[in-house]
C-alpha atoms as a PDB file:
ATOM      1  CA  UNK A   1       0.000   0.000   0.000  1.00  0.00           C
ATOM      2  CA  UNK A   2       2.778   2.566   0.626  1.00  0.00           C
ATOM      3  CA  UNK A   3       3.701   4.358  -2.556  1.00  0.00           C
ATOM      4  CA  UNK A   4       7.319   4.958  -1.546  1.00  0.00           C
ATOM      5  CA  UNK A   5       9.384   3.113  -4.119  1.00  0.00           C
ATOM      6  CA  UNK A   6      12.855   3.266  -2.559  1.00  0.00           C
ATOM      7  CA  UNK A   7      14.178   3.903   0.910  1.00  0.00           C
ATOM      8  CA  UNK A   8      17.906   3.960   0.080  1.00  0.00           C
ATOM      9  CA  UNK A   9      19.504   5.685  -2.886  1.00  0.00           C
ATOM     10  CA  UNK A  10      23.123   6.157  -3.879  1.00  0.00           C
ATOM     11  CA  UNK A  11      26.152   4.264  -2.624  1.00  0.00           C
ATOM     12  CA  UNK A  12      25.930   3.110   0.991  1.00  0.00           C
ATOM     13  CA  UNK A  13      29.404   1.762   1.715  1.00  0.00           C
ATOM     14  CA  UNK A  14      31.676   4.652   0.846  1.00  0.00           C
ATOM     15  CA  UNK A  15      33.946   6.878   2.893  1.00  0.00           C
ATOM     16  CA  UNK A  16      31.795   9.993   3.460  1.00  0.00           C
ATOM     17  CA  UNK A  17      32.802  13.065   5.445  1.00  0.00           C
ATOM     18  CA  UNK A  18      29.444  14.465   6.601  1.00  0.00           C
ATOM     19  CA  UNK A  19      25.985  13.255   7.520  1.00  0.00           C
ATOM     20  CA  UNK A  20      23.087  15.666   7.025  1.00  0.00           C
ATOM     21  CA  UNK A  21      19.950  14.775   8.986  1.00  0.00           C
ATOM     22  CA  UNK A  22      16.376  15.975   8.557  1.00  0.00           C
ATOM     23  CA  UNK A  23      14.904  16.056  12.062  1.00  0.00           C
ATOM     24  CA  UNK A  24      11.217  16.623  12.835  1.00  0.00           C
ATOM     25  CA  UNK A  25      10.556  19.438  15.309  1.00  0.00           C
ATOM     26  CA  UNK A  26       6.885  18.773  16.110  1.00  0.00           C
ATOM     27  CA  UNK A  27       4.421  15.943  16.601  1.00  0.00           C
ATOM     28  CA  UNK A  28       2.089  14.847  13.834  1.00  0.00           C
ATOM     29  CA  UNK A  29       1.826  12.537  10.870  1.00  0.00           C
ATOM     30  CA  UNK A  30       3.162  12.665   7.333  1.00  0.00           C
ATOM     31  CA  UNK A  31       1.192  11.012   4.542  1.00  0.00           C
ATOM     32  CA  UNK A  32       3.010   8.621   2.253  1.00  0.00           C
ATOM     33  CA  UNK A  33       2.584  10.885  -0.773  1.00  0.00           C
ATOM     34  CA  UNK A  34       4.182  13.857   1.046  1.00  0.00           C
ATOM     35  CA  UNK A  35       7.090  11.679   2.177  1.00  0.00           C
ATOM     36  CA  UNK A  36       7.555  10.370  -1.380  1.00  0.00           C
ATOM     37  CA  UNK A  37       7.438  13.917  -2.783  1.00  0.00           C
ATOM     38  CA  UNK A  38      10.131  15.022  -0.322  1.00  0.00           C
ATOM     39  CA  UNK A  39      12.277  11.998  -1.203  1.00  0.00           C
ATOM     40  CA  UNK A  40      11.962  12.640  -4.938  1.00  0.00           C
ATOM     41  CA  UNK A  41      12.811  16.340  -4.556  1.00  0.00           C
ATOM     42  CA  UNK A  42      15.861  15.606  -2.403  1.00  0.00           C
ATOM     43  CA  UNK A  43      17.084  12.943  -4.840  1.00  0.00           C
ATOM     44  CA  UNK A  44      16.548  15.127  -7.918  1.00  0.00           C
ATOM     45  CA  UNK A  45      18.291  18.114  -6.334  1.00  0.00           C
ATOM     46  CA  UNK A  46      21.319  16.229  -5.022  1.00  0.00           C
ATOM     47  CA  UNK A  47      21.661  14.244  -8.279  1.00  0.00           C
ATOM     48  CA  UNK A  48      21.534  17.438 -10.321  1.00  0.00           C
ATOM     49  CA  UNK A  49      24.068  19.289  -8.167  1.00  0.00           C
ATOM     50  CA  UNK A  50      26.484  16.413  -7.462  1.00  0.00           C
ATOM     51  CA  UNK A  51      26.041  14.745 -10.825  1.00  0.00           C
ATOM     52  CA  UNK A  52      26.902  11.172  -9.871  1.00  0.00           C
ATOM     53  CA  UNK A  53      24.914   8.703  -7.750  1.00  0.00           C
ATOM     54  CA  UNK A  54      28.128   7.223  -6.356  1.00  0.00           C
ATOM     55  CA  UNK A  55      28.955  10.444  -4.471  1.00  0.00           C
ATOM     56  CA  UNK A  56      26.079  10.459  -1.962  1.00  0.00           C
ATOM     57  CA  UNK A  57      23.814   8.172   0.070  1.00  0.00           C
ATOM     58  CA  UNK A  58      20.190   9.130   0.772  1.00  0.00           C
ATOM     59  CA  UNK A  59      18.237   7.094   3.311  1.00  0.00           C
ATOM     60  CA  UNK A  60      14.553   7.496   4.277  1.00  0.00           C
ATOM     61  CA  UNK A  61      14.326   6.159   7.829  1.00  0.00           C
ATOM     62  CA  UNK A  62      10.579   6.339   8.551  1.00  0.00           C
ATOM     63  CA  UNK A  63       8.104   3.871   7.035  1.00  0.00           C
ATOM     64  CA  UNK A  64       4.396   4.722   6.604  1.00  0.00           C
ATOM     65  CA  UNK A  65       2.790   1.984   8.743  1.00  0.00           C
ATOM     66  CA  UNK A  66      -0.349   3.764   9.905  1.00  0.00           C
ATOM     67  CA  UNK A  67      -3.340   3.066   7.605  1.00  0.00           C
ATOM     68  CA  UNK A  68      -5.656   6.050   7.100  1.00  0.00           C
ATOM     69  CA  UNK A  69      -9.335   5.197   6.668  1.00  0.00           C
ATOM     70  CA  UNK A  70     -12.316   7.202   5.467  1.00  0.00           C
ATOM     71  CA  UNK A  71     -16.041   6.637   6.001  1.00  0.00           C
ATOM     72  CA  UNK A  72     -17.413   8.166   2.811  1.00  0.00           C
ATOM     73  CA  UNK A  73     -20.682   9.997   3.263  1.00  0.00           C
ATOM     74  CA  UNK A  74     -23.058  10.908   0.458  1.00  0.00           C
ATOM     75  CA  UNK A  75     -24.164  14.539   0.391  1.00  0.00           C
ATOM     76  CA  UNK A  76     -27.143  14.850  -1.914  1.00  0.00           C
ATOM     77  CA  UNK A  77     -30.944  14.710  -1.655  1.00  0.00           C
ATOM     78  CA  UNK A  78     -32.167  11.361  -0.372  1.00  0.00           C
ATOM     79  CA  UNK A  79     -28.774  10.344   1.005  1.00  0.00           C
ATOM     80  CA  UNK A  80     -30.211   9.823   4.493  1.00  0.00           C
ATOM     81  CA  UNK A  81     -32.025   6.688   3.274  1.00  0.00           C
ATOM     82  CA  UNK A  82     -28.835   5.144   1.799  1.00  0.00           C
ATOM     83  CA  UNK A  83     -26.341   5.309   4.630  1.00  0.00           C
ATOM     84  CA  UNK A  84     -26.047   4.548   8.319  1.00  0.00           C
ATOM     85  CA  UNK A  85     -24.048   7.578   9.485  1.00  0.00           C
ATOM     86  CA  UNK A  86     -21.513   6.573  12.133  1.00  0.00           C
ATOM     87  CA  UNK A  87     -22.986   3.093  12.738  1.00  0.00           C
ATOM     88  CA  UNK A  88     -20.436   0.415  11.647  1.00  0.00           C
ATOM     89  CA  UNK A  89     -18.176   3.160  10.336  1.00  0.00           C
ATOM     90  CA  UNK A  90     -14.790   1.424  10.066  1.00  0.00           C
ATOM     91  CA  UNK A  91     -14.073   3.030   6.694  1.00  0.00           C
ATOM     92  CA  UNK A  92     -12.064   2.084   3.643  1.00  0.00           C
ATOM     93  CA  UNK A  93      -8.279   2.535   3.481  1.00  0.00           C
ATOM     94  CA  UNK A  94      -7.337   5.689   1.562  1.00  0.00           C
ATOM     95  CA  UNK A  95      -3.601   5.788   2.260  1.00  0.00           C
ATOM     96  CA  UNK A  96      -0.844   5.369   4.808  1.00  0.00           C
ATOM     97  CA  UNK A  97       1.071   7.765   7.020  1.00  0.00           C
ATOM     98  CA  UNK A  98       4.149   8.025   9.185  1.00  0.00           C
ATOM     99  CA  UNK A  99       3.278   8.780  12.791  1.00  0.00           C
ATOM    100  CA  UNK A 100       5.796  11.105  14.417  1.00  0.00           C
ATOM    101  CA  UNK A 101       5.609   9.975  18.029  1.00  0.00           C
ATOM    102  CA  UNK A 102       8.267  12.252  19.494  1.00  0.00           C
ATOM    103  CA  UNK A 103      10.090  15.412  18.628  1.00  0.00           C
ATOM    104  CA  UNK A 104      13.608  14.893  17.341  1.00  0.00           C
ATOM    105  CA  UNK A 105      12.838  11.836  15.180  1.00  0.00           C
ATOM    106  CA  UNK A 106      15.163  11.553  12.197  1.00  0.00           C
ATOM    107  CA  UNK A 107      13.200  11.419   8.943  1.00  0.00           C
ATOM    108  CA  UNK A 108      15.981  11.262   6.332  1.00  0.00           C
ATOM    109  CA  UNK A 109      19.766  11.020   6.250  1.00  0.00           C
ATOM    110  CA  UNK A 110      22.064  12.189   3.463  1.00  0.00           C
ATOM    111  CA  UNK A 111      25.765  11.285   3.559  1.00  0.00           C
ATOM    112  CA  UNK A 112      28.149  13.288   1.372  1.00  0.00           C
ATOM    113  CA  UNK A 113      31.791  14.272   0.878  1.00  0.00           C
ATOM    114  CA  UNK A 114      33.042  17.618   2.168  1.00  0.00           C
ATOM    115  CA  UNK A 115      32.826  19.342  -1.241  1.00  0.00           C
ATOM    116  CA  UNK A 116      29.118  18.447  -1.594  1.00  0.00           C
ATOM    117  CA  UNK A 117      27.982  19.572   1.865  1.00  0.00           C
ATOM    118  CA  UNK A 118      26.295  22.785   0.669  1.00  0.00           C
ATOM    119  CA  UNK A 119      24.446  20.817  -2.035  1.00  0.00           C
ATOM    120  CA  UNK A 120      23.145  18.328   0.544  1.00  0.00           C
ATOM    121  CA  UNK A 121      21.843  21.099   2.764  1.00  0.00           C
ATOM    122  CA  UNK A 122      20.135  22.748  -0.224  1.00  0.00           C
ATOM    123  CA  UNK A 123      18.560  19.434  -1.262  1.00  0.00           C
ATOM    124  CA  UNK A 124      17.034  18.941   2.196  1.00  0.00           C
ATOM    125  CA  UNK A 125      15.808  22.556   2.310  1.00  0.00           C
ATOM    126  CA  UNK A 126      13.949  22.018  -0.977  1.00  0.00           C
ATOM    127  CA  UNK A 127      12.587  18.651   0.217  1.00  0.00           C
ATOM    128  CA  UNK A 128      11.376  20.106   3.526  1.00  0.00           C
ATOM    129  CA  UNK A 129       8.927  22.333   1.630  1.00  0.00           C
ATOM    130  CA  UNK A 130       6.974  19.191   0.665  1.00  0.00           C
ATOM    131  CA  UNK A 131       6.424  18.101   4.288  1.00  0.00           C
ATOM    132  CA  UNK A 132       3.533  19.232   6.517  1.00  0.00           C
ATOM    133  CA  UNK A 133       5.661  19.416   9.684  1.00  0.00           C
ATOM    134  CA  UNK A 134       8.522  21.730  10.627  1.00  0.00           C
ATOM    135  CA  UNK A 135      11.937  20.138  10.248  1.00  0.00           C
ATOM    136  CA  UNK A 136      15.466  21.182  11.032  1.00  0.00           C
ATOM    137  CA  UNK A 137      18.607  20.239   9.148  1.00  0.00           C
ATOM    138  CA  UNK A 138      21.525  19.093  11.301  1.00  0.00           C
ATOM    139  CA  UNK A 139      25.029  18.533   9.917  1.00  0.00           C
ATOM    140  CA  UNK A 140      27.277  16.032  11.683  1.00  0.00           C
ATOM    141  CA  UNK A 141      30.882  15.236  10.740  1.00  0.00           C
ATOM    142  CA  UNK A 142      31.516  11.502  10.395  1.00  0.00           C
ATOM    143  CA  UNK A 143      35.291  11.762  10.862  1.00  0.00           C
ATOM    144  CA  UNK A 144      37.327  13.579  13.422  1.00  0.00           C
ATOM    145  CA  UNK A 145      39.397  16.305  11.773  1.00  0.00           C
ATOM    146  CA  UNK A 146      43.133  15.962  12.326  1.00  0.00           C
ATOM    147  CA  UNK A 147      44.286  18.668  14.729  1.00  0.00           C
ATOM    148  CA  UNK A 148      47.437  20.553  13.767  1.00  0.00           C
ATOM    149  CA  UNK A 149      49.658  22.137  16.391  1.00  0.00           C
END
């Protein structure tokens, strides 16, 4: 039922310098089509700017498990004789969603080399516009820089 086609894109086992994380700042739920739109935008942007799929790794961490249901109601003359209102109103599945249970959940991770760090941040900023919740972008170095004295 989830329409998300891929959860990992790029090359996973490579020596990357930075990890860029998209972290959710508020509680709520994200529908599967919004999550897929954000994934597609991030992938298109980073692929366009970096140019090669072997130079980054994009990972969608959350899976849309929660099934959304709708009890369709008819709204025309005579509809009161055709439906039962809220009696036996389990509803039909209309989609899935990711439930954000706590603030600070990581939604997506993008690993890149040092020269592509600005591109990764830009890709996540574009992708965050497709999501219904506020997110923050956190950059974490994967290696300790050598200290010179």
